[in-house]
Amino acid sequence: GIVPEPLQILYGRFAVALGLVHLLIPFVFFPLFAVM
């Protein structure tokens, strides 16, 4: 009941940024973890 109808989340800047963040977090994590 948060929204009355489906939101247009897909096909926009937010969806692209979310997908890229999901892809790329490990690429920062592993160099960082190696240094730490």
Full PDB file with SEQRES, HELIX, SHEET, SSBOND, CRYST1, ORIGX, SCALE, CONECT and MASTER records, all heavy atoms in Angstrom:
SEQRES   1 A   36  GLY ILE VAL PRO GLU PRO LEU GLN ILE LEU TYR GLY ARG          
SEQRES   2 A   36  PHE ALA VAL ALA LEU GLY LEU VAL HIS LEU LEU ILE PRO          
SEQRES   3 A   36  PHE VAL PHE PHE PRO LEU PHE ALA VAL MET                      
HELIX    1 AA1 ARG A   13  VAL A   35  1                                  23    
CRYST1    1.000    1.000    1.000  90.00  90.00  90.00 P 1           1          
ORIGX1      1.000000  0.000000  0.000000        0.00000                         
ORIGX2      0.000000  1.000000  0.000000        0.00000                         
ORIGX3      0.000000  0.000000  1.000000        0.00000                         
SCALE1      1.000000  0.000000  0.000000        0.00000                         
SCALE2      0.000000  1.000000  0.000000        0.00000                         
SCALE3      0.000000  0.000000  1.000000        0.00000                         
ATOM      1  N   GLY A   1       0.788  -1.222   0.000  1.00  0.00           N  
ATOM      2  CA  GLY A   1       0.000   0.000   0.000  1.00  0.00           C  
ATOM      3  C   GLY A   1       0.817   1.266   0.000  1.00  0.00           C  
ATOM      4  O   GLY A   1       0.278   2.356   0.196  1.00  0.00           O  
ATOM      5  N   ILE A   2       2.127   1.154  -0.244  1.00  0.00           N  
ATOM      6  CA  ILE A   2       2.981   2.349  -0.266  1.00  0.00           C  
ATOM      7  C   ILE A   2       2.668   3.208  -1.481  1.00  0.00           C  
ATOM      8  O   ILE A   2       2.665   4.443  -1.411  1.00  0.00           O  
ATOM      9  CB  ILE A   2       4.468   1.938  -0.234  1.00  0.00           C  
ATOM     10  CG1 ILE A   2       4.783   1.207   1.073  1.00  0.00           C  
ATOM     11  CG2 ILE A   2       5.374   3.152  -0.405  1.00  0.00           C  
ATOM     12  CD1 ILE A   2       6.208   0.730   1.175  1.00  0.00           C  
ATOM     13  N   VAL A   3       2.401   2.582  -2.620  1.00  0.00           N  
ATOM     14  CA  VAL A   3       2.048   3.311  -3.836  1.00  0.00           C  
ATOM     15  C   VAL A   3       0.749   2.725  -4.390  1.00  0.00           C  
ATOM     16  O   VAL A   3       0.506   1.519  -4.275  1.00  0.00           O  
ATOM     17  CB  VAL A   3       3.174   3.228  -4.890  1.00  0.00           C  
ATOM     18  CG1 VAL A   3       4.422   3.940  -4.399  1.00  0.00           C  
ATOM     19  CG2 VAL A   3       3.502   1.781  -5.234  1.00  0.00           C  
ATOM     20  N   PRO A   4      -0.088   3.541  -5.050  1.00  0.00           N  
ATOM     21  CA  PRO A   4      -1.359   3.025  -5.567  1.00  0.00           C  
ATOM     22  C   PRO A   4      -1.208   2.237  -6.855  1.00  0.00           C  
ATOM     23  O   PRO A   4      -2.056   1.395  -7.179  1.00  0.00           O  
ATOM     24  CB  PRO A   4      -2.189   4.292  -5.782  1.00  0.00           C  
ATOM     25  CG  PRO A   4      -1.170   5.365  -6.011  1.00  0.00           C  
ATOM     26  CD  PRO A   4       0.010   5.006  -5.163  1.00  0.00           C  
ATOM     27  N   GLU A   5      -0.156   2.514  -7.612  1.00  0.00           N  
ATOM     28  CA  GLU A   5       0.064   1.828  -8.886  1.00  0.00           C  
ATOM     29  C   GLU A   5       1.560   1.646  -9.100  1.00  0.00           C  
ATOM     30  O   GLU A   5       2.374   2.328  -8.465  1.00  0.00           O  
ATOM     31  CB  GLU A   5      -0.545   2.631 -10.040  1.00  0.00           C  
ATOM     32  CG  GLU A   5       0.026   4.016 -10.192  1.00  0.00           C  
ATOM     33  CD  GLU A   5      -0.637   4.787 -11.308  1.00  0.00           C  
ATOM     34  OE1 GLU A   5      -1.764   4.424 -11.694  1.00  0.00           O  
ATOM     35  OE2 GLU A   5      -0.027   5.752 -11.798  1.00  0.00           O  
ATOM     36  N   PRO A   6       1.938   0.708  -9.992  1.00  0.00           N  
ATOM     37  CA  PRO A   6       3.370   0.437 -10.195  1.00  0.00           C  
ATOM     38  C   PRO A   6       4.147   1.672 -10.634  1.00  0.00           C  
ATOM     39  O   PRO A   6       3.648   2.497 -11.401  1.00  0.00           O  
ATOM     40  CB  PRO A   6       3.372  -0.634 -11.299  1.00  0.00           C  
ATOM     41  CG  PRO A   6       2.031  -1.290 -11.197  1.00  0.00           C  
ATOM     42  CD  PRO A   6       1.087  -0.213 -10.768  1.00  0.00           C  
ATOM     43  N   LEU A   7       5.356   1.790 -10.123  1.00  0.00           N  
ATOM     44  CA  LEU A   7       6.239   2.897 -10.479  1.00  0.00           C  
ATOM     45  C   LEU A   7       7.055   2.555 -11.714  1.00  0.00           C  
ATOM     46  O   LEU A   7       7.312   1.383 -12.012  1.00  0.00           O  
ATOM     47  CB  LEU A   7       7.187   3.206  -9.312  1.00  0.00           C  
ATOM     48  CG  LEU A   7       6.554   3.602  -7.978  1.00  0.00           C  
ATOM     49  CD1 LEU A   7       7.639   3.734  -6.919  1.00  0.00           C  
ATOM     50  CD2 LEU A   7       5.770   4.894  -8.115  1.00  0.00           C  
ATOM     51  N   GLN A   8       7.485   3.587 -12.425  1.00  0.00           N  
ATOM     52  CA  GLN A   8       8.372   3.400 -13.565  1.00  0.00           C  
ATOM     53  C   GLN A   8       9.821   3.485 -13.060  1.00  0.00           C  
ATOM     54  O   GLN A   8      10.449   4.540 -13.088  1.00  0.00           O  
ATOM     55  CB  GLN A   8       8.108   4.456 -14.637  1.00  0.00           C  
ATOM     56  CG  GLN A   8       8.967   4.299 -15.883  1.00  0.00           C  
ATOM     57  CD  GLN A   8       8.775   2.963 -16.569  1.00  0.00           C  
ATOM     58  OE1 GLN A   8       7.646   2.533 -16.809  1.00  0.00           O  
ATOM     59  NE2 GLN A   8       9.868   2.274 -16.879  1.00  0.00           N  
ATOM     60  N   ILE A   9      10.306   2.363 -12.546  1.00  0.00           N  
ATOM     61  CA  ILE A   9      11.662   2.320 -11.994  1.00  0.00           C  
ATOM     62  C   ILE A   9      12.668   1.957 -13.072  1.00  0.00           C  
ATOM     63  O   ILE A   9      13.778   2.499 -13.125  1.00  0.00           O  
ATOM     64  CB  ILE A   9      11.742   1.300 -10.841  1.00  0.00           C  
ATOM     65  CG1 ILE A   9      10.665   1.593  -9.792  1.00  0.00           C  
ATOM     66  CG2 ILE A   9      13.119   1.320 -10.196  1.00  0.00           C  
ATOM     67  CD1 ILE A   9      10.592   0.563  -8.686  1.00  0.00           C  
ATOM     68  N   LEU A  10      12.269   1.040 -13.935  1.00  0.00           N  
ATOM     69  CA  LEU A  10      13.170   0.541 -14.971  1.00  0.00           C  
ATOM     70  C   LEU A  10      13.306   1.564 -16.100  1.00  0.00           C  
ATOM     71  O   LEU A  10      12.476   2.462 -16.248  1.00  0.00           O  
ATOM     72  CB  LEU A  10      12.621  -0.778 -15.507  1.00  0.00           C  
ATOM     73  CG  LEU A  10      13.594  -1.768 -16.171  1.00  0.00           C  
ATOM     74  CD1 LEU A  10      14.701  -2.149 -15.204  1.00  0.00           C  
ATOM     75  CD2 LEU A  10      12.822  -3.004 -16.621  1.00  0.00           C  
ATOM     76  N   TYR A  11      14.383   1.412 -16.869  1.00  0.00           N  
ATOM     77  CA  TYR A  11      14.632   2.233 -18.060  1.00  0.00           C  
ATOM     78  C   TYR A  11      14.807   3.709 -17.700  1.00  0.00           C  
ATOM     79  O   TYR A  11      14.027   4.575 -18.117  1.00  0.00           O  
ATOM     80  CB  TYR A  11      13.518   2.050 -19.099  1.00  0.00           C  
ATOM     81  CG  TYR A  11      13.270   0.612 -19.443  1.00  0.00           C  
ATOM     82  CD1 TYR A  11      11.995   0.063 -19.383  1.00  0.00           C  
ATOM     83  CD2 TYR A  11      14.334  -0.220 -19.815  1.00  0.00           C  
ATOM     84  CE1 TYR A  11      11.770  -1.265 -19.681  1.00  0.00           C  
ATOM     85  CE2 TYR A  11      14.126  -1.551 -20.111  1.00  0.00           C  
ATOM     86  CZ  TYR A  11      12.841  -2.077 -20.041  1.00  0.00           C  
ATOM     87  OH  TYR A  11      12.633  -3.401 -20.320  1.00  0.00           O  
ATOM     88  N   GLY A  12      15.835   3.982 -16.922  1.00  0.00           N  
ATOM     89  CA  GLY A  12      16.172   5.348 -16.550  1.00  0.00           C  
ATOM     90  C   GLY A  12      17.502   5.386 -15.826  1.00  0.00           C  
ATOM     91  O   GLY A  12      18.177   4.361 -15.654  1.00  0.00           O  
ATOM     92  N   ARG A  13      17.907   6.576 -15.382  1.00  0.00           N  
ATOM     93  CA  ARG A  13      19.201   6.762 -14.717  1.00  0.00           C  
ATOM     94  C   ARG A  13      19.305   5.931 -13.446  1.00  0.00           C  
ATOM     95  O   ARG A  13      20.353   5.334 -13.180  1.00  0.00           O  
ATOM     96  CB  ARG A  13      19.375   8.251 -14.395  1.00  0.00           C  
ATOM     97  CG  ARG A  13      20.572   8.614 -13.506  1.00  0.00           C  
ATOM     98  CD  ARG A  13      21.901   8.283 -14.165  1.00  0.00           C  
ATOM     99  NE  ARG A  13      22.155   9.097 -15.311  1.00  0.00           N  
ATOM    100  CZ  ARG A  13      22.929  10.183 -15.319  1.00  0.00           C  
ATOM    101  NH1 ARG A  13      23.507  10.591 -14.209  1.00  0.00           N  
ATOM    102  NH2 ARG A  13      23.136  10.856 -16.430  1.00  0.00           N  
ATOM    103  N   PHE A  14      18.229   5.864 -12.652  1.00  0.00           N  
ATOM    104  CA  PHE A  14      18.296   5.127 -11.393  1.00  0.00           C  
ATOM    105  C   PHE A  14      18.575   3.644 -11.642  1.00  0.00           C  
ATOM    106  O   PHE A  14      19.427   3.048 -10.966  1.00  0.00           O  
ATOM    107  CB  PHE A  14      16.983   5.281 -10.626  1.00  0.00           C  
ATOM    108  CG  PHE A  14      16.905   4.435  -9.379  1.00  0.00           C  
ATOM    109  CD1 PHE A  14      17.573   4.818  -8.224  1.00  0.00           C  
ATOM    110  CD2 PHE A  14      16.199   3.238  -9.367  1.00  0.00           C  
ATOM    111  CE1 PHE A  14      17.517   4.034  -7.076  1.00  0.00           C  
ATOM    112  CE2 PHE A  14      16.134   2.451  -8.231  1.00  0.00           C  
ATOM    113  CZ  PHE A  14      16.793   2.846  -7.080  1.00  0.00           C  
ATOM    114  N   ALA A  15      17.875   3.033 -12.595  1.00  0.00           N  
ATOM    115  CA  ALA A  15      18.063   1.605 -12.872  1.00  0.00           C  
ATOM    116  C   ALA A  15      19.476   1.327 -13.378  1.00  0.00           C  
ATOM    117  O   ALA A  15      20.114   0.342 -12.976  1.00  0.00           O  
ATOM    118  CB  ALA A  15      17.030   1.124 -13.888  1.00  0.00           C  
ATOM    119  N   VAL A  16      19.984   2.196 -14.247  1.00  0.00           N  
ATOM    120  CA  VAL A  16      21.341   2.013 -14.772  1.00  0.00           C  
ATOM    121  C   VAL A  16      22.368   2.141 -13.645  1.00  0.00           C  
ATOM    122  O   VAL A  16      23.283   1.313 -13.525  1.00  0.00           O  
ATOM    123  CB  VAL A  16      21.638   3.035 -15.888  1.00  0.00           C  
ATOM    124  CG1 VAL A  16      23.101   2.970 -16.310  1.00  0.00           C  
ATOM    125  CG2 VAL A  16      20.746   2.775 -17.096  1.00  0.00           C  
ATOM    126  N   ALA A  17      22.223   3.177 -12.813  1.00  0.00           N  
ATOM    127  CA  ALA A  17      23.163   3.371 -11.703  1.00  0.00           C  
ATOM    128  C   ALA A  17      23.106   2.196 -10.738  1.00  0.00           C  
ATOM    129  O   ALA A  17      24.150   1.706 -10.275  1.00  0.00           O  
ATOM    130  CB  ALA A  17      22.852   4.680 -10.974  1.00  0.00           C  
ATOM    131  N   LEU A  18      21.906   1.726 -10.437  1.00  0.00           N  
ATOM    132  CA  LEU A  18      21.761   0.586  -9.528  1.00  0.00           C  
ATOM    133  C   LEU A  18      22.422  -0.665 -10.101  1.00  0.00           C  
ATOM    134  O   LEU A  18      23.140  -1.391  -9.394  1.00  0.00           O  
ATOM    135  CB  LEU A  18      20.275   0.327  -9.266  1.00  0.00           C  
ATOM    136  CG  LEU A  18      19.934  -0.713  -8.195  1.00  0.00           C  
ATOM    137  CD1 LEU A  18      20.379  -0.220  -6.822  1.00  0.00           C  
ATOM    138  CD2 LEU A  18      18.438  -1.011  -8.191  1.00  0.00           C  
ATOM    139  N   GLY A  19      22.195  -0.920 -11.393  1.00  0.00           N  
ATOM    140  CA  GLY A  19      22.813  -2.085 -12.026  1.00  0.00           C  
ATOM    141  C   GLY A  19      24.327  -1.998 -12.048  1.00  0.00           C  
ATOM    142  O   GLY A  19      25.023  -2.991 -11.817  1.00  0.00           O  
ATOM    143  N   LEU A  20      24.870  -0.808 -12.311  1.00  0.00           N  
ATOM    144  CA  LEU A  20      26.320  -0.644 -12.345  1.00  0.00           C  
ATOM    145  C   LEU A  20      26.931  -0.766 -10.952  1.00  0.00           C  
ATOM    146  O   LEU A  20      28.007  -1.363 -10.788  1.00  0.00           O  
ATOM    147  CB  LEU A  20      26.674   0.713 -12.961  1.00  0.00           C  
ATOM    148  CG  LEU A  20      26.444   0.848 -14.475  1.00  0.00           C  
ATOM    149  CD1 LEU A  20      26.712   2.267 -14.932  1.00  0.00           C  
ATOM    150  CD2 LEU A  20      27.323  -0.132 -15.246  1.00  0.00           C  
ATOM    151  N   VAL A  21      26.264  -0.200  -9.944  1.00  0.00           N  
ATOM    152  CA  VAL A  21      26.760  -0.342  -8.569  1.00  0.00           C  
ATOM    153  C   VAL A  21      26.783  -1.816  -8.180  1.00  0.00           C  
ATOM    154  O   VAL A  21      27.757  -2.304  -7.575  1.00  0.00           O  
ATOM    155  CB  VAL A  21      25.880   0.470  -7.597  1.00  0.00           C  
ATOM    156  CG1 VAL A  21      26.190   0.105  -6.144  1.00  0.00           C  
ATOM    157  CG2 VAL A  21      26.099   1.966  -7.806  1.00  0.00           C  
ATOM    158  N   HIS A  22      25.733  -2.536  -8.526  1.00  0.00           N  
ATOM    159  CA  HIS A  22      25.683  -3.972  -8.234  1.00  0.00           C  
ATOM    160  C   HIS A  22      26.813  -4.719  -8.912  1.00  0.00           C  
ATOM    161  O   HIS A  22      27.400  -5.650  -8.345  1.00  0.00           O  
ATOM    162  CB  HIS A  22      24.326  -4.520  -8.686  1.00  0.00           C  
ATOM    163  CG  HIS A  22      24.145  -5.979  -8.427  1.00  0.00           C  
ATOM    164  ND1 HIS A  22      24.308  -6.944  -9.408  1.00  0.00           N  
ATOM    165  CD2 HIS A  22      23.826  -6.655  -7.298  1.00  0.00           C  
ATOM    166  CE1 HIS A  22      24.087  -8.137  -8.883  1.00  0.00           C  
ATOM    167  NE2 HIS A  22      23.791  -7.997  -7.615  1.00  0.00           N  
ATOM    168  N   LEU A  23      27.161  -4.306 -10.120  1.00  0.00           N  
ATOM    169  CA  LEU A  23      28.255  -4.959 -10.849  1.00  0.00           C  
ATOM    170  C   LEU A  23      29.624  -4.628 -10.278  1.00  0.00           C  
ATOM    171  O   LEU A  23      30.507  -5.497 -10.236  1.00  0.00           O  
ATOM    172  CB  LEU A  23      28.221  -4.515 -12.312  1.00  0.00           C  
ATOM    173  CG  LEU A  23      27.240  -5.176 -13.272  1.00  0.00           C  
ATOM    174  CD1 LEU A  23      27.301  -4.473 -14.621  1.00  0.00           C  
ATOM    175  CD2 LEU A  23      27.574  -6.651 -13.444  1.00  0.00           C  
ATOM    176  N   LEU A  24      29.815  -3.396  -9.835  1.00  0.00           N  
ATOM    177  CA  LEU A  24      31.167  -2.876  -9.637  1.00  0.00           C  
ATOM    178  C   LEU A  24      31.631  -2.792  -8.191  1.00  0.00           C  
ATOM    179  O   LEU A  24      32.810  -2.507  -7.954  1.00  0.00           O  
ATOM    180  CB  LEU A  24      31.267  -1.490 -10.292  1.00  0.00           C  
ATOM    181  CG  LEU A  24      31.028  -1.478 -11.814  1.00  0.00           C  
ATOM    182  CD1 LEU A  24      31.021  -0.056 -12.337  1.00  0.00           C  
ATOM    183  CD2 LEU A  24      32.080  -2.311 -12.522  1.00  0.00           C  
ATOM    184  N   ILE A  25      30.760  -3.015  -7.215  1.00  0.00           N  
ATOM    185  CA  ILE A  25      31.206  -2.987  -5.818  1.00  0.00           C  
ATOM    186  C   ILE A  25      32.397  -3.920  -5.579  1.00  0.00           C  
ATOM    187  O   ILE A  25      33.372  -3.528  -4.921  1.00  0.00           O  
ATOM    188  CB  ILE A  25      30.037  -3.316  -4.866  1.00  0.00           C  
ATOM    189  CG1 ILE A  25      29.090  -2.126  -4.759  1.00  0.00           C  
ATOM    190  CG2 ILE A  25      30.549  -3.680  -3.473  1.00  0.00           C  
ATOM    191  CD1 ILE A  25      27.861  -2.392  -3.910  1.00  0.00           C  
ATOM    192  N   PRO A  26      32.389  -5.166  -6.090  1.00  0.00           N  
ATOM    193  CA  PRO A  26      33.548  -6.039  -5.843  1.00  0.00           C  
ATOM    194  C   PRO A  26      34.853  -5.496  -6.403  1.00  0.00           C  
ATOM    195  O   PRO A  26      35.928  -5.808  -5.873  1.00  0.00           O  
ATOM    196  CB  PRO A  26      33.151  -7.344  -6.547  1.00  0.00           C  
ATOM    197  CG  PRO A  26      31.656  -7.332  -6.570  1.00  0.00           C  
ATOM    198  CD  PRO A  26      31.293  -5.896  -6.758  1.00  0.00           C  
ATOM    199  N   PHE A  27      34.796  -4.659  -7.445  1.00  0.00           N  
ATOM    200  CA  PHE A  27      36.026  -4.134  -8.038  1.00  0.00           C  
ATOM    201  C   PHE A  27      36.692  -3.107  -7.127  1.00  0.00           C  
ATOM    202  O   PHE A  27      37.890  -2.835  -7.268  1.00  0.00           O  
ATOM    203  CB  PHE A  27      35.722  -3.513  -9.406  1.00  0.00           C  
ATOM    204  CG  PHE A  27      35.407  -4.514 -10.473  1.00  0.00           C  
ATOM    205  CD1 PHE A  27      34.101  -4.910 -10.702  1.00  0.00           C  
ATOM    206  CD2 PHE A  27      36.411  -5.077 -11.235  1.00  0.00           C  
ATOM    207  CE1 PHE A  27      33.793  -5.840 -11.679  1.00  0.00           C  
ATOM    208  CE2 PHE A  27      36.126  -6.001 -12.215  1.00  0.00           C  
ATOM    209  CZ  PHE A  27      34.811  -6.395 -12.436  1.00  0.00           C  
ATOM    210  N   VAL A  28      35.948  -2.490  -6.226  1.00  0.00           N  
ATOM    211  CA  VAL A  28      36.562  -1.633  -5.206  1.00  0.00           C  
ATOM    212  C   VAL A  28      36.905  -2.450  -3.970  1.00  0.00           C  
ATOM    213  O   VAL A  28      37.948  -2.240  -3.345  1.00  0.00           O  
ATOM    214  CB  VAL A  28      35.611  -0.480  -4.806  1.00  0.00           C  
ATOM    215  CG1 VAL A  28      36.349   0.514  -3.921  1.00  0.00           C  
ATOM    216  CG2 VAL A  28      35.071   0.227  -6.022  1.00  0.00           C  
ATOM    217  N   PHE A  29      36.040  -3.380  -3.629  1.00  0.00           N  
ATOM    218  CA  PHE A  29      36.205  -4.141  -2.388  1.00  0.00           C  
ATOM    219  C   PHE A  29      37.515  -4.925  -2.369  1.00  0.00           C  
ATOM    220  O   PHE A  29      38.268  -4.853  -1.374  1.00  0.00           O  
ATOM    221  CB  PHE A  29      35.025  -5.100  -2.215  1.00  0.00           C  
ATOM    222  CG  PHE A  29      35.201  -6.074  -1.088  1.00  0.00           C  
ATOM    223  CD1 PHE A  29      34.892  -5.712   0.217  1.00  0.00           C  
ATOM    224  CD2 PHE A  29      35.688  -7.359  -1.309  1.00  0.00           C  
ATOM    225  CE1 PHE A  29      35.060  -6.601   1.266  1.00  0.00           C  
ATOM    226  CE2 PHE A  29      35.866  -8.259  -0.276  1.00  0.00           C  
ATOM    227  CZ  PHE A  29      35.554  -7.875   1.015  1.00  0.00           C  
ATOM    228  N   PHE A  30      37.820  -5.660  -3.418  1.00  0.00           N  
ATOM    229  CA  PHE A  30      38.980  -6.556  -3.364  1.00  0.00           C  
ATOM    230  C   PHE A  30      40.318  -5.821  -3.336  1.00  0.00           C  
ATOM    231  O   PHE A  30      41.204  -6.204  -2.562  1.00  0.00           O  
ATOM    232  CB  PHE A  30      38.915  -7.573  -4.501  1.00  0.00           C  
ATOM    233  CG  PHE A  30      37.932  -8.687  -4.227  1.00  0.00           C  
ATOM    234  CD1 PHE A  30      36.715  -8.741  -4.882  1.00  0.00           C  
ATOM    235  CD2 PHE A  30      38.223  -9.661  -3.293  1.00  0.00           C  
ATOM    236  CE1 PHE A  30      35.808  -9.755  -4.616  1.00  0.00           C  
ATOM    237  CE2 PHE A  30      37.322 -10.678  -3.013  1.00  0.00           C  
ATOM    238  CZ  PHE A  30      36.109 -10.724  -3.672  1.00  0.00           C  
ATOM    239  N   PRO A  31      40.553  -4.756  -4.133  1.00  0.00           N  
ATOM    240  CA  PRO A  31      41.793  -3.996  -3.933  1.00  0.00           C  
ATOM    241  C   PRO A  31      41.899  -3.393  -2.540  1.00  0.00           C  
ATOM    242  O   PRO A  31      42.978  -3.384  -1.936  1.00  0.00           O  
ATOM    243  CB  PRO A  31      41.706  -2.900  -5.007  1.00  0.00           C  
ATOM    244  CG  PRO A  31      40.803  -3.437  -6.045  1.00  0.00           C  
ATOM    245  CD  PRO A  31      39.802  -4.273  -5.315  1.00  0.00           C  
ATOM    246  N   LEU A  32      40.776  -2.908  -2.014  1.00  0.00           N  
ATOM    247  CA  LEU A  32      40.773  -2.353  -0.664  1.00  0.00           C  
ATOM    248  C   LEU A  32      41.104  -3.413   0.375  1.00  0.00           C  
ATOM    249  O   LEU A  32      41.937  -3.192   1.277  1.00  0.00           O  
ATOM    250  CB  LEU A  32      39.385  -1.774  -0.366  1.00  0.00           C  
ATOM    251  CG  LEU A  32      39.227  -0.259  -0.411  1.00  0.00           C  
ATOM    252  CD1 LEU A  32      37.777   0.123  -0.187  1.00  0.00           C  
ATOM    253  CD2 LEU A  32      40.127   0.402   0.606  1.00  0.00           C  
ATOM    254  N   PHE A  33      40.455  -4.569   0.265  1.00  0.00           N  
ATOM    255  CA  PHE A  33      40.678  -5.626   1.245  1.00  0.00           C  
ATOM    256  C   PHE A  33      42.121  -6.105   1.206  1.00  0.00           C  
ATOM    257  O   PHE A  33      42.718  -6.408   2.252  1.00  0.00           O  
ATOM    258  CB  PHE A  33      39.721  -6.788   0.976  1.00  0.00           C  
ATOM    259  CG  PHE A  33      39.809  -7.885   2.002  1.00  0.00           C  
ATOM    260  CD1 PHE A  33      39.187  -7.754   3.236  1.00  0.00           C  
ATOM    261  CD2 PHE A  33      40.519  -9.042   1.749  1.00  0.00           C  
ATOM    262  CE1 PHE A  33      39.272  -8.753   4.186  1.00  0.00           C  
ATOM    263  CE2 PHE A  33      40.617 -10.045   2.687  1.00  0.00           C  
ATOM    264  CZ  PHE A  33      39.989  -9.899   3.916  1.00  0.00           C  
ATOM    265  N   ALA A  34      42.700  -6.183  -0.003  1.00  0.00           N  
ATOM    266  CA  ALA A  34      44.098  -6.611  -0.122  1.00  0.00           C  
ATOM    267  C   ALA A  34      45.030  -5.643   0.601  1.00  0.00           C  
ATOM    268  O   ALA A  34      45.971  -6.055   1.284  1.00  0.00           O  
ATOM    269  CB  ALA A  34      44.480  -6.733  -1.594  1.00  0.00           C  
ATOM    270  N   VAL A  35      44.777  -4.333   0.463  1.00  0.00           N  
ATOM    271  CA  VAL A  35      45.610  -3.329   1.136  1.00  0.00           C  
ATOM    272  C   VAL A  35      45.400  -3.385   2.647  1.00  0.00           C  
ATOM    273  O   VAL A  35      46.355  -3.353   3.426  1.00  0.00           O  
ATOM    274  CB  VAL A  35      45.294  -1.924   0.586  1.00  0.00           C  
ATOM    275  CG1 VAL A  35      45.993  -0.858   1.421  1.00  0.00           C  
ATOM    276  CG2 VAL A  35      45.724  -1.816  -0.869  1.00  0.00           C  
ATOM    277  N   MET A  36      44.139  -3.493   3.065  1.00  0.00           N  
ATOM    278  CA  MET A  36      43.847  -3.553   4.501  1.00  0.00           C  
ATOM    279  C   MET A  36      44.446  -4.794   5.145  1.00  0.00           C  
ATOM    280  O   MET A  36      44.895  -4.757   6.303  1.00  0.00           O  
ATOM    281  CB  MET A  36      42.329  -3.539   4.724  1.00  0.00           C  
ATOM    282  CG  MET A  36      41.657  -2.216   4.436  1.00  0.00           C  
ATOM    283  SD  MET A  36      39.882  -2.276   4.801  1.00  0.00           S  
ATOM    284  CE  MET A  36      39.383  -0.608   4.371  1.00  0.00           C  
TER     285      MET A  36                                                      
MASTER        0    0    0    1    0    0    0    6  284    1    0    3          
END                                                                             
